[in-house]
Protein backbone atom coordinates (compact mmCIF):
# COMPACT_ATOMS: atom_id res chain seq x y z
CA MET A 1 -12.31 32.90 -14.96
CA LYS A 2 -15.23 30.35 -15.86
CA SER A 3 -14.35 26.85 -15.65
CA ILE A 4 -13.88 25.13 -19.06
CA LYS A 5 -16.11 22.43 -17.61
CA ASN A 6 -19.14 24.36 -17.35
CA GLU A 7 -18.52 26.29 -20.65
CA MET A 8 -18.14 23.12 -22.33
CA THR A 9 -21.43 21.77 -20.62
CA GLN A 10 -23.22 24.78 -21.87
CA ARG A 11 -21.81 24.64 -25.33
CA LEU A 12 -22.50 20.94 -25.92
CA GLY A 13 -25.99 21.12 -24.22
CA GLY A 14 -27.13 24.09 -26.31
CA ALA A 15 -25.31 23.82 -29.63
CA THR A 16 -28.69 24.06 -31.47
CA ALA A 17 -30.33 26.24 -29.00
CA ALA A 18 -29.73 30.24 -28.91
CA PRO A 19 -26.24 31.33 -27.85
CA ALA A 20 -25.31 31.42 -24.32
CA GLN A 21 -26.10 34.78 -22.40
CA GLY A 22 -22.67 35.19 -20.96
CA MET A 23 -20.60 34.42 -24.24
CA ALA A 24 -19.98 38.30 -24.91
CA GLN A 25 -18.54 38.63 -21.70
CA ASN A 26 -15.55 36.22 -22.17
CA ASP A 27 -12.38 37.00 -23.40
CA PRO A 28 -11.85 35.97 -26.99
CA GLU A 29 -8.88 33.72 -26.28
CA PHE A 30 -10.82 31.66 -23.73
CA GLU A 31 -13.69 31.37 -26.34
CA ALA A 32 -11.33 30.22 -28.79
CA LEU A 33 -10.18 27.58 -26.41
CA VAL A 34 -13.59 26.21 -25.62
CA ASN A 35 -14.62 26.31 -29.22
CA GLU A 36 -11.52 24.18 -30.22
CA ILE A 37 -12.09 21.79 -27.41
CA SER A 38 -15.81 21.32 -28.46
CA THR A 39 -14.75 20.63 -32.05
CA LEU A 40 -12.07 17.97 -30.75
CA ILE A 41 -14.97 16.18 -28.43
CA SER A 42 -17.37 16.37 -31.38
CA GLU A 43 -14.86 14.81 -33.80
CA GLY A 44 -13.73 12.22 -31.36
CA LYS A 45 -10.06 13.30 -31.23
CA LEU A 46 -9.45 13.52 -28.03
CA PRO A 47 -6.59 11.04 -26.84
CA GLU A 48 -7.35 7.61 -25.89
CA GLY A 49 -8.57 7.43 -22.04
CA PHE A 50 -8.48 11.08 -21.66
CA ASP A 51 -10.73 12.34 -18.89
CA LEU A 52 -11.43 16.14 -19.85
CA GLN A 53 -13.58 16.58 -16.67
CA ALA A 54 -10.48 15.29 -14.21
CA ALA A 55 -8.02 17.21 -16.52
CA ALA A 56 -9.89 20.54 -16.65
CA LYS A 57 -9.37 21.19 -12.85
CA ASP A 58 -5.55 20.97 -13.42
CA PRO A 59 -4.10 24.42 -14.13
CA ASP A 60 -1.26 23.08 -16.03
CA LEU A 61 -3.86 21.88 -18.79
CA LEU A 62 -4.95 25.48 -19.14
CA SER A 63 -1.49 26.92 -19.52
CA LEU A 64 -0.52 24.34 -21.88
CA MET A 65 -3.47 25.05 -24.14
CA ARG A 66 -2.96 28.77 -23.77
CA GLU A 67 0.67 28.14 -24.97
CA TYR A 68 0.04 25.79 -27.53
CA GLY A 69 -3.48 25.53 -28.70
CA ALA A 70 -6.11 23.45 -27.26
CA ALA A 71 -5.42 20.23 -29.30
CA ALA A 72 -1.38 20.17 -28.77
CA GLY A 73 -2.05 21.24 -25.20
CA ILE A 74 -4.33 18.38 -24.57
CA ARG A 75 -1.67 15.76 -26.24
CA ILE A 76 1.11 17.30 -24.38
CA TYR A 77 -0.83 17.05 -20.92
CA ALA A 78 -1.62 13.42 -21.77
CA ALA A 79 1.60 12.44 -22.90
CA GLU A 80 2.99 13.97 -19.40
CA GLN A 81 0.45 12.09 -17.29
CA ARG A 82 1.22 8.91 -19.18
CA ALA A 83 5.11 9.60 -18.41
CA GLU A 84 4.40 10.31 -14.79
CA GLU A 85 2.31 7.26 -14.57
CA ALA A 86 4.86 4.94 -15.96
CA GLU A 87 7.48 6.51 -13.58
CA ASN A 88 5.54 5.80 -10.78
CA SER A 89 4.73 2.35 -11.98
CA ALA A 90 8.66 1.65 -12.73
CA MET A 91 9.52 3.16 -8.83
CA GLU A 92 6.99 0.81 -7.74
CA ARG A 93 8.32 -1.98 -9.73
CA VAL A 94 11.84 -1.37 -8.07
CA SER A 95 10.44 -0.88 -4.79
CA ASN A 96 8.63 -4.33 -4.74
CA ARG A 97 11.86 -5.92 -6.07
CA MET A 98 13.96 -4.51 -3.16
CA ARG A 99 11.19 -5.96 -0.60
CA GLU A 100 11.50 -9.33 -2.48
CA ARG A 101 15.25 -9.42 -2.11
CA SER A 102 15.48 -8.29 1.19
CA ALA A 103 12.97 -11.13 2.25
CA LEU A 104 15.46 -13.67 0.95
CA PRO A 105 17.20 -15.75 3.57
CA LYS A 106 20.56 -14.67 4.39
CA SER A 107 23.73 -16.62 5.56
CA THR A 108 24.36 -16.56 9.10
CA ARG A 109 28.19 -17.53 8.63
CA GLY A 110 29.20 -14.46 6.77
CA GLY A 111 30.86 -15.66 3.77
CA SER A 112 33.05 -18.37 5.23
CA ALA A 113 33.83 -21.49 2.80
CA ALA A 114 32.50 -24.94 3.20
CA PRO A 115 34.02 -26.84 6.11
CA ALA A 116 37.56 -28.78 5.00
CA ALA A 117 37.07 -32.42 4.25
CA THR A 118 37.86 -34.61 7.44
CA ASN A 119 41.41 -35.99 7.36
CA TYR A 120 41.09 -39.51 8.18
CA ARG A 121 44.90 -40.35 8.11
CA ASN A 122 45.79 -37.93 10.72
CA MET A 123 42.67 -38.90 13.04
CA SER A 124 43.39 -40.08 16.39
CA SER A 125 42.20 -43.70 17.22
CA ASP A 126 39.65 -42.23 19.62
CA ALA A 127 38.36 -39.89 17.14
CA PHE A 128 38.46 -42.45 14.41
CA ARG A 129 36.37 -44.96 16.92
CA GLU A 130 34.04 -42.36 17.60
CA LEU A 131 33.21 -41.78 14.00
CA MET A 132 32.61 -45.36 13.21
CA GLN A 133 30.07 -45.51 16.00
CA GLN A 134 28.29 -42.54 14.66
CA MET A 135 28.41 -43.92 11.31
CA LYS A 136 26.98 -47.45 12.53
CA LYS A 137 24.20 -45.69 14.52
CA THR A 138 23.07 -43.74 11.35
CA ALA A 139 23.37 -46.98 9.43
CA ARG A 140 20.87 -48.67 11.97
CA ASP A 141 18.25 -45.78 11.90
CA GLY A 142 18.38 -46.23 8.15
CA GLY A 143 20.36 -43.09 7.29
CA LYS A 144 23.08 -42.84 4.65
CA THR A 145 26.72 -41.89 5.39
CA ARG A 146 28.94 -40.04 3.12
CA LEU A 147 32.27 -39.55 3.47
């Protein structure tokens, strides 16, 4: 079967010239599709951003146009392409979000709670003296000690 792109180029290029020689050889259904597509192009009724040359290579477009007509087939095809792009975009966003979450720092303690407060009343004298020395050293170095 002839490609729609070649036939459209011939039709649009020679719209005022004599009819193409191969037109009599085509089947009437194909001719009707090509006529409808050329009408859509000339009237500017193709969906926004629709690339007919790229889409003409896809056999799904031709089957949709044969089933629903050129105008509806092109609209359905364009809608399916937009839906597929949106799905791919959503999957990419989810994938990026998962990568971002896995890059966050993780706790090495495995869910343990904060250490218990120091019990100064039941502390031994030696431990208390050691703590006081540590606090004095911190104060000399200019640091602050929180109890």
